[in-house]
Amino acid sequence: MLAAEAVRLVAIELLRPSNIPEGGNFPTLAGSRVFDSRGPTLTEIDQERKYTPVLSVYTQKSTADVAGAASGFDDTEATVSLLVMAELAVITREGSTDYVDAMTAGTDVEARLVLAALIAQVRRRLEFSAAGAPWRKLVKQVLRVDEETHAVPEFGLRWQRIFCTFNLAIGDDDFDVSRPGLPEPLGSVAAALPDGSYAKQKLAELAACFAAENPDQLTTIHGVTAGPGGTSLETGQVDLIP
């Protein structure tokens, strides 16, 4: 579902705006360390600091269900689960191997507050700020926000990492197949994004995958099937052109 991918890409643009110059002020404590569908690498960790706040954004799950038993094939209710993983990252050594992990939660109360503030900044930026308007154009409603601390309490293990899942109601992809490019509302949102931004670049790559179709070919998606009592029932549509 392209709308679900757009929700993630626009969120990344809002959390890591492309128009902020080097050394400028980013909207969260993570600064420029906001990653698309991946975690940080060793070279992206600031080793001069006690820990490095980072954000990783993932599309967890998306669905499109019919609105009801009598609904048309294009009358759908779509949802997406957007996962924002916030962590205070450090470089950890195991044997002779270094890797990035969240710092363990010990007695550092300040670190926990930094992590909580980082998640609060994400919610404020996406859900409430004026800058978050493009994201809220895609999101009809925030159905639920779950925040779960990474822990294995049975073994007394806790990390400075929070999994924040946004369960969102969104508009399904609305294709005008007689025209090339992205369906709405993605097309309008992509056009409004800053030129050169990461989100606009990725959405442009997606748009190139969708060529226009000949409207004459679409009129053939229609048929008749046998119904009860010898009746005939039409299936599909005579014309799929919006």
C-alpha atoms as a PDB file:
ATOM      1  CA  MET A   1       0.000   0.000   0.000  1.00  0.00           C
ATOM      2  CA  LEU A   2       1.680   3.198  -1.194  1.00  0.00           C
ATOM      3  CA  ALA A   3      -0.201   5.389   1.271  1.00  0.00           C
ATOM      4  CA  ALA A   4       1.418   3.455   4.124  1.00  0.00           C
ATOM      5  CA  GLU A   5       4.889   4.029   2.668  1.00  0.00           C
ATOM      6  CA  ALA A   6       4.137   7.720   2.214  1.00  0.00           C
ATOM      7  CA  VAL A   7       3.136   8.038   5.877  1.00  0.00           C
ATOM      8  CA  ARG A   8       6.594   6.775   6.837  1.00  0.00           C
ATOM      9  CA  LEU A   9       8.508   8.878   4.302  1.00  0.00           C
ATOM     10  CA  VAL A  10       6.718  12.094   5.220  1.00  0.00           C
ATOM     11  CA  ALA A  11       7.303  11.355   8.923  1.00  0.00           C
ATOM     12  CA  ILE A  12      11.038  11.064   8.208  1.00  0.00           C
ATOM     13  CA  GLU A  13      11.049  14.375   6.341  1.00  0.00           C
ATOM     14  CA  LEU A  14       9.332  16.059   9.298  1.00  0.00           C
ATOM     15  CA  LEU A  15      11.684  14.550  11.877  1.00  0.00           C
ATOM     16  CA  ARG A  16      14.788  15.184   9.740  1.00  0.00           C
ATOM     17  CA  PRO A  17      13.930  18.189   7.567  1.00  0.00           C
ATOM     18  CA  SER A  18      16.044  18.433   4.435  1.00  0.00           C
ATOM     19  CA  ASN A  19      16.168  22.246   4.506  1.00  0.00           C
ATOM     20  CA  ILE A  20      18.042  22.506   7.823  1.00  0.00           C
ATOM     21  CA  PRO A  21      21.678  23.514   7.230  1.00  0.00           C
ATOM     22  CA  GLU A  22      24.595  21.737   8.839  1.00  0.00           C
ATOM     23  CA  GLY A  23      24.768  22.776  12.473  1.00  0.00           C
ATOM     24  CA  GLY A  24      21.130  23.922  12.446  1.00  0.00           C
ATOM     25  CA  ASN A  25      18.474  23.026  14.982  1.00  0.00           C
ATOM     26  CA  PHE A  26      16.540  19.846  14.268  1.00  0.00           C
ATOM     27  CA  PRO A  27      13.090  19.237  15.797  1.00  0.00           C
ATOM     28  CA  THR A  28      14.190  16.344  18.035  1.00  0.00           C
ATOM     29  CA  LEU A  29      17.116  15.369  20.233  1.00  0.00           C
ATOM     30  CA  ALA A  30      18.096  12.819  17.572  1.00  0.00           C
ATOM     31  CA  GLY A  31      19.187  15.652  15.281  1.00  0.00           C
ATOM     32  CA  SER A  32      19.962  14.312  11.815  1.00  0.00           C
ATOM     33  CA  ARG A  33      20.106  10.707  13.053  1.00  0.00           C
ATOM     34  CA  VAL A  34      16.658   9.683  11.812  1.00  0.00           C
ATOM     35  CA  PHE A  35      16.841   6.499   9.748  1.00  0.00           C
ATOM     36  CA  ASP A  36      14.473   4.949   7.228  1.00  0.00           C
ATOM     37  CA  SER A  37      13.775   1.268   7.949  1.00  0.00           C
ATOM     38  CA  ARG A  38      17.158   0.640   9.554  1.00  0.00           C
ATOM     39  CA  GLY A  39      19.195   1.247  12.671  1.00  0.00           C
ATOM     40  CA  PRO A  40      22.388   3.304  13.027  1.00  0.00           C
ATOM     41  CA  THR A  41      25.794   2.047  11.940  1.00  0.00           C
ATOM     42  CA  LEU A  42      29.041   2.279  13.897  1.00  0.00           C
ATOM     43  CA  THR A  43      30.159   5.390  12.011  1.00  0.00           C
ATOM     44  CA  GLU A  44      26.909   7.207  12.850  1.00  0.00           C
ATOM     45  CA  ILE A  45      27.430   7.025  16.620  1.00  0.00           C
ATOM     46  CA  ASP A  46      29.052   9.963  18.404  1.00  0.00           C
ATOM     47  CA  GLN A  47      31.710   8.256  20.509  1.00  0.00           C
ATOM     48  CA  GLU A  48      32.535  11.470  22.366  1.00  0.00           C
ATOM     49  CA  ARG A  49      29.141  11.404  24.050  1.00  0.00           C
ATOM     50  CA  LYS A  50      27.843   9.072  26.719  1.00  0.00           C
ATOM     51  CA  TYR A  51      25.085   7.991  24.329  1.00  0.00           C
ATOM     52  CA  THR A  52      23.624   9.055  20.993  1.00  0.00           C
ATOM     53  CA  PRO A  53      19.840   9.609  20.664  1.00  0.00           C
ATOM     54  CA  VAL A  54      18.584   8.070  17.414  1.00  0.00           C
ATOM     55  CA  LEU A  55      15.256   7.375  15.697  1.00  0.00           C
ATOM     56  CA  SER A  56      14.463   4.544  13.285  1.00  0.00           C
ATOM     57  CA  VAL A  57      11.142   4.605  11.420  1.00  0.00           C
ATOM     58  CA  TYR A  58       9.452   1.497  10.009  1.00  0.00           C
ATOM     59  CA  THR A  59       6.173   0.603   8.303  1.00  0.00           C
ATOM     60  CA  GLN A  60       5.073  -2.269  10.510  1.00  0.00           C
ATOM     61  CA  LYS A  61       1.789  -3.347   8.915  1.00  0.00           C
ATOM     62  CA  SER A  62      -0.895  -2.004   6.597  1.00  0.00           C
ATOM     63  CA  THR A  63      -4.401  -3.220   5.784  1.00  0.00           C
ATOM     64  CA  ALA A  64      -7.296  -2.252   3.528  1.00  0.00           C
ATOM     65  CA  ASP A  65     -10.704  -3.706   4.431  1.00  0.00           C
ATOM     66  CA  VAL A  66     -14.046  -3.172   2.726  1.00  0.00           C
ATOM     67  CA  ALA A  67     -16.155  -0.660   4.595  1.00  0.00           C
ATOM     68  CA  GLY A  68     -19.090  -3.078   4.840  1.00  0.00           C
ATOM     69  CA  ALA A  69     -20.800  -6.083   3.304  1.00  0.00           C
ATOM     70  CA  ALA A  70     -22.641  -3.924   0.769  1.00  0.00           C
ATOM     71  CA  SER A  71     -19.630  -1.763  -0.072  1.00  0.00           C
ATOM     72  CA  GLY A  72     -18.157  -1.441  -3.531  1.00  0.00           C
ATOM     73  CA  PHE A  73     -14.760  -2.879  -4.355  1.00  0.00           C
ATOM     74  CA  ASP A  74     -13.144   0.541  -4.009  1.00  0.00           C
ATOM     75  CA  ASP A  75     -14.933   1.531  -0.774  1.00  0.00           C
ATOM     76  CA  THR A  76     -12.239   0.619   1.728  1.00  0.00           C
ATOM     77  CA  GLU A  77     -11.004   1.520   5.186  1.00  0.00           C
ATOM     78  CA  ALA A  78      -7.213   1.492   5.352  1.00  0.00           C
ATOM     79  CA  THR A  79      -4.925   1.398   8.376  1.00  0.00           C
ATOM     80  CA  VAL A  80      -1.184   1.380   8.963  1.00  0.00           C
ATOM     81  CA  SER A  81       1.034   0.683  11.963  1.00  0.00           C
ATOM     82  CA  LEU A  82       3.970   3.089  11.943  1.00  0.00           C
ATOM     83  CA  LEU A  83       6.806   2.066  14.271  1.00  0.00           C
ATOM     84  CA  VAL A  84       9.175   4.726  15.568  1.00  0.00           C
ATOM     85  CA  MET A  85      12.014   3.154  17.538  1.00  0.00           C
ATOM     86  CA  ALA A  86      13.756   5.637  19.811  1.00  0.00           C
ATOM     87  CA  GLU A  87      16.961   4.641  21.545  1.00  0.00           C
ATOM     88  CA  LEU A  88      20.040   5.967  23.267  1.00  0.00           C
ATOM     89  CA  ALA A  89      22.634   4.181  21.176  1.00  0.00           C
ATOM     90  CA  VAL A  90      26.145   3.181  22.219  1.00  0.00           C
ATOM     91  CA  ILE A  91      28.904   1.051  20.730  1.00  0.00           C
ATOM     92  CA  THR A  92      29.094  -2.315  22.469  1.00  0.00           C
ATOM     93  CA  ARG A  93      31.924  -4.817  22.263  1.00  0.00           C
ATOM     94  CA  GLU A  94      31.401  -8.582  22.379  1.00  0.00           C
ATOM     95  CA  GLY A  95      34.641 -10.490  22.056  1.00  0.00           C
ATOM     96  CA  SER A  96      36.480  -8.760  19.242  1.00  0.00           C
ATOM     97  CA  THR A  97      33.345  -7.458  17.523  1.00  0.00           C
ATOM     98  CA  ASP A  98      31.876  -3.974  17.920  1.00  0.00           C
ATOM     99  CA  TYR A  99      28.208  -3.307  17.222  1.00  0.00           C
ATOM    100  CA  VAL A 100      25.565  -0.691  17.944  1.00  0.00           C
ATOM    101  CA  ASP A 101      22.992  -1.318  20.658  1.00  0.00           C
ATOM    102  CA  ALA A 102      20.889   0.690  23.072  1.00  0.00           C
ATOM    103  CA  MET A 103      22.581   1.394  26.384  1.00  0.00           C
ATOM    104  CA  THR A 104      21.420  -0.758  29.256  1.00  0.00           C
ATOM    105  CA  ALA A 105      19.065   0.835  31.735  1.00  0.00           C
ATOM    106  CA  GLY A 106      20.723   1.132  35.119  1.00  0.00           C
ATOM    107  CA  THR A 107      20.554   3.943  37.619  1.00  0.00           C
ATOM    108  CA  ASP A 108      20.785   6.753  35.042  1.00  0.00           C
ATOM    109  CA  VAL A 109      17.432   8.434  35.567  1.00  0.00           C
ATOM    110  CA  GLU A 110      18.409  11.331  33.309  1.00  0.00           C
ATOM    111  CA  ALA A 111      18.884   8.969  30.356  1.00  0.00           C
ATOM    112  CA  ARG A 112      15.348   7.672  30.760  1.00  0.00           C
ATOM    113  CA  LEU A 113      14.004  11.222  30.787  1.00  0.00           C
ATOM    114  CA  VAL A 114      15.966  12.029  27.625  1.00  0.00           C
ATOM    115  CA  LEU A 115      14.392   9.005  25.942  1.00  0.00           C
ATOM    116  CA  ALA A 116      10.905  10.015  27.089  1.00  0.00           C
ATOM    117  CA  ALA A 117      11.490  13.546  25.803  1.00  0.00           C
ATOM    118  CA  LEU A 118      12.618  12.170  22.432  1.00  0.00           C
ATOM    119  CA  ILE A 119       9.381  10.219  21.977  1.00  0.00           C
ATOM    120  CA  ALA A 120       7.335  13.222  23.119  1.00  0.00           C
ATOM    121  CA  GLN A 121       9.098  15.371  20.505  1.00  0.00           C
ATOM    122  CA  VAL A 122       8.146  12.857  17.808  1.00  0.00           C
ATOM    123  CA  ARG A 123       4.478  12.923  18.816  1.00  0.00           C
ATOM    124  CA  ARG A 124       4.434  16.695  19.051  1.00  0.00           C
ATOM    125  CA  ARG A 125       6.004  17.097  15.615  1.00  0.00           C
ATOM    126  CA  LEU A 126       3.709  14.652  13.821  1.00  0.00           C
ATOM    127  CA  GLU A 127       0.406  15.046  15.649  1.00  0.00           C
ATOM    128  CA  PHE A 128       0.253  18.641  16.842  1.00  0.00           C
ATOM    129  CA  SER A 129       2.750  20.996  15.176  1.00  0.00           C
ATOM    130  CA  ALA A 130       1.995  23.224  12.207  1.00  0.00           C
ATOM    131  CA  ALA A 131       4.877  21.551  10.369  1.00  0.00           C
ATOM    132  CA  GLY A 132       3.084  18.197  10.669  1.00  0.00           C
ATOM    133  CA  ALA A 133       0.237  19.246   8.339  1.00  0.00           C
ATOM    134  CA  PRO A 134       1.499  17.156   5.352  1.00  0.00           C
ATOM    135  CA  TRP A 135       1.571  14.042   7.555  1.00  0.00           C
ATOM    136  CA  ARG A 136      -1.910  14.729   8.914  1.00  0.00           C
ATOM    137  CA  LYS A 137      -3.165  15.138   5.344  1.00  0.00           C
ATOM    138  CA  LEU A 138      -2.376  11.447   4.871  1.00  0.00           C
ATOM    139  CA  VAL A 139      -3.574  10.387   8.334  1.00  0.00           C
ATOM    140  CA  LYS A 140      -7.315  10.546   8.897  1.00  0.00           C
ATOM    141  CA  GLN A 141      -7.096   9.673  12.583  1.00  0.00           C
ATOM    142  CA  VAL A 142      -4.567   8.508  15.157  1.00  0.00           C
ATOM    143  CA  LEU A 143      -6.394   5.470  16.500  1.00  0.00           C
ATOM    144  CA  ARG A 144      -3.888   4.510  19.173  1.00  0.00           C
ATOM    145  CA  VAL A 145      -0.300   5.108  20.263  1.00  0.00           C
ATOM    146  CA  ASP A 146       1.528   2.298  22.071  1.00  0.00           C
ATOM    147  CA  GLU A 147       4.858   2.867  23.829  1.00  0.00           C
ATOM    148  CA  GLU A 148       6.765  -0.200  24.982  1.00  0.00           C
ATOM    149  CA  THR A 149      10.150  -0.218  26.690  1.00  0.00           C
ATOM    150  CA  HIS A 150      12.571  -2.856  25.441  1.00  0.00           C
ATOM    151  CA  ALA A 151      13.016  -5.258  28.331  1.00  0.00           C
ATOM    152  CA  VAL A 152      13.276  -8.909  29.271  1.00  0.00           C
ATOM    153  CA  PRO A 153      12.187  -8.657  32.914  1.00  0.00           C
ATOM    154  CA  GLU A 154      12.523 -12.403  33.504  1.00  0.00           C
ATOM    155  CA  PHE A 155      16.291 -11.966  33.184  1.00  0.00           C
ATOM    156  CA  GLY A 156      16.463  -8.473  34.659  1.00  0.00           C
ATOM    157  CA  LEU A 157      17.418  -6.947  31.298  1.00  0.00           C
ATOM    158  CA  ARG A 158      16.299  -3.467  30.256  1.00  0.00           C
ATOM    159  CA  TRP A 159      17.527  -1.112  27.569  1.00  0.00           C
ATOM    160  CA  GLN A 160      17.130   2.586  26.881  1.00  0.00           C
ATOM    161  CA  ARG A 161      14.941   1.885  23.880  1.00  0.00           C
ATOM    162  CA  ILE A 162      11.243   2.544  23.316  1.00  0.00           C
ATOM    163  CA  PHE A 163       9.097   1.045  20.565  1.00  0.00           C
ATOM    164  CA  CYS A 164       6.421   3.648  19.777  1.00  0.00           C
ATOM    165  CA  THR A 165       3.717   2.289  17.460  1.00  0.00           C
ATOM    166  CA  PHE A 166       1.248   4.674  15.826  1.00  0.00           C
ATOM    167  CA  ASN A 167      -1.913   2.841  14.742  1.00  0.00           C
ATOM    168  CA  LEU A 168      -3.385   5.097  12.073  1.00  0.00           C
ATOM    169  CA  ALA A 169      -6.476   5.325   9.891  1.00  0.00           C
ATOM    170  CA  ILE A 170      -5.414   6.511   6.443  1.00  0.00           C
ATOM    171  CA  GLY A 171      -6.919   6.980   3.013  1.00  0.00           C
ATOM    172  CA  ASP A 172      -6.431   4.063   0.655  1.00  0.00           C
ATOM    173  CA  ASP A 173      -4.594   4.533  -2.640  1.00  0.00           C
ATOM    174  CA  ASP A 174      -6.953   6.298  -5.076  1.00  0.00           C
ATOM    175  CA  PHE A 175      -5.657   5.531  -8.574  1.00  0.00           C
ATOM    176  CA  ASP A 176      -6.612   7.404 -11.715  1.00  0.00           C
ATOM    177  CA  VAL A 177      -5.191   4.799 -14.064  1.00  0.00           C
ATOM    178  CA  SER A 178      -5.664   7.028 -17.108  1.00  0.00           C
ATOM    179  CA  ARG A 179      -2.827   9.175 -15.752  1.00  0.00           C
ATOM    180  CA  PRO A 180       0.746   8.195 -14.859  1.00  0.00           C
ATOM    181  CA  GLY A 181       2.262   8.650 -11.424  1.00  0.00           C
ATOM    182  CA  LEU A 182       1.180   8.306  -7.831  1.00  0.00           C
ATOM    183  CA  PRO A 183      -2.396   7.858  -6.642  1.00  0.00           C
ATOM    184  CA  GLU A 184      -4.037  10.491  -4.494  1.00  0.00           C
ATOM    185  CA  PRO A 185      -3.569  11.834  -1.916  1.00  0.00           C
ATOM    186  CA  LEU A 186       0.080  10.845  -2.351  1.00  0.00           C
ATOM    187  CA  GLY A 187       0.495  12.825  -5.560  1.00  0.00           C
ATOM    188  CA  SER A 188      -0.545  16.100  -3.939  1.00  0.00           C
ATOM    189  CA  VAL A 189       1.516  15.455  -0.806  1.00  0.00           C
ATOM    190  CA  ALA A 190       4.616  14.566  -2.846  1.00  0.00           C
ATOM    191  CA  ALA A 191       4.263  17.717  -4.949  1.00  0.00           C
ATOM    192  CA  ALA A 192       4.169  19.869  -1.806  1.00  0.00           C
ATOM    193  CA  LEU A 193       7.332  18.371  -0.276  1.00  0.00           C
ATOM    194  CA  PRO A 194      10.566  20.401  -0.498  1.00  0.00           C
ATOM    195  CA  ASP A 195      12.605  19.851  -3.651  1.00  0.00           C
ATOM    196  CA  GLY A 196      15.592  17.645  -2.980  1.00  0.00           C
ATOM    197  CA  SER A 197      14.098  16.140   0.161  1.00  0.00           C
ATOM    198  CA  TYR A 198      14.555  12.454   0.906  1.00  0.00           C
ATOM    199  CA  ALA A 199      10.803  11.804   0.946  1.00  0.00           C
ATOM    200  CA  LYS A 200      10.190  13.583  -2.375  1.00  0.00           C
ATOM    201  CA  GLN A 201      13.041  11.691  -4.013  1.00  0.00           C
ATOM    202  CA  LYS A 202      11.725   8.306  -2.883  1.00  0.00           C
ATOM    203  CA  LEU A 203       8.136   9.108  -3.866  1.00  0.00           C
ATOM    204  CA  ALA A 204       9.343  10.227  -7.303  1.00  0.00           C
ATOM    205  CA  GLU A 205      11.044   6.843  -7.703  1.00  0.00           C
ATOM    206  CA  LEU A 206       7.747   5.148  -6.845  1.00  0.00           C
ATOM    207  CA  ALA A 207       5.809   7.374  -9.259  1.00  0.00           C
ATOM    208  CA  ALA A 208       8.008   6.225 -12.137  1.00  0.00           C
ATOM    209  CA  CYS A 209       6.679   2.681 -11.653  1.00  0.00           C
ATOM    210  CA  PHE A 210       3.128   3.612 -12.665  1.00  0.00           C
ATOM    211  CA  ALA A 211       2.437   4.321 -16.314  1.00  0.00           C
ATOM    212  CA  ALA A 212      -0.939   5.398 -17.658  1.00  0.00           C
ATOM    213  CA  GLU A 213      -3.243   2.750 -19.123  1.00  0.00           C
ATOM    214  CA  ASN A 214      -5.372   3.011 -22.248  1.00  0.00           C
ATOM    215  CA  PRO A 215      -8.930   3.794 -21.098  1.00  0.00           C
ATOM    216  CA  ASP A 216     -10.325   1.646 -23.918  1.00  0.00           C
ATOM    217  CA  GLN A 217      -8.744  -1.411 -22.332  1.00  0.00           C
ATOM    218  CA  LEU A 218     -10.474  -0.766 -19.023  1.00  0.00           C
ATOM    219  CA  THR A 219     -13.990  -1.122 -20.382  1.00  0.00           C
ATOM    220  CA  THR A 220     -13.444  -4.881 -20.764  1.00  0.00           C
ATOM    221  CA  ILE A 221     -13.287  -5.496 -17.003  1.00  0.00           C
ATOM    222  CA  HIS A 222     -16.922  -6.486 -16.863  1.00  0.00           C
ATOM    223  CA  GLY A 223     -18.851  -9.708 -17.061  1.00  0.00           C
ATOM    224  CA  VAL A 224     -22.065 -11.606 -16.371  1.00  0.00           C
ATOM    225  CA  THR A 225     -22.482 -14.623 -14.118  1.00  0.00           C
ATOM    226  CA  ALA A 226     -25.398 -16.952 -13.439  1.00  0.00           C
ATOM    227  CA  GLY A 227     -27.521 -16.031 -10.441  1.00  0.00           C
ATOM    228  CA  PRO A 228     -30.270 -17.779  -8.470  1.00  0.00           C
ATOM    229  CA  GLY A 229     -33.418 -18.738 -10.327  1.00  0.00           C
ATOM    230  CA  GLY A 230     -31.770 -18.507 -13.729  1.00  0.00           C
ATOM    231  CA  THR A 231     -31.078 -14.802 -13.392  1.00  0.00           C
ATOM    232  CA  SER A 232     -27.972 -13.095 -14.717  1.00  0.00           C
ATOM    233  CA  LEU A 233     -25.835 -10.909 -12.474  1.00  0.00           C
ATOM    234  CA  GLU A 234     -23.341  -8.347 -13.702  1.00  0.00           C
ATOM    235  CA  THR A 235     -19.854  -8.440 -12.207  1.00  0.00           C
ATOM    236  CA  GLY A 236     -17.135  -5.814 -12.196  1.00  0.00           C
ATOM    237  CA  GLN A 237     -17.636  -2.464 -13.855  1.00  0.00           C
ATOM    238  CA  VAL A 238     -18.260  -1.463 -17.438  1.00  0.00           C
ATOM    239  CA  ASP A 239     -15.847   1.430 -17.052  1.00  0.00           C
ATOM    240  CA  LEU A 240     -13.130   1.706 -14.392  1.00  0.00           C
ATOM    241  CA  ILE A 241     -12.091   5.216 -15.381  1.00  0.00           C
ATOM    242  CA  PRO A 242     -12.628   7.485 -12.336  1.00  0.00           C
END
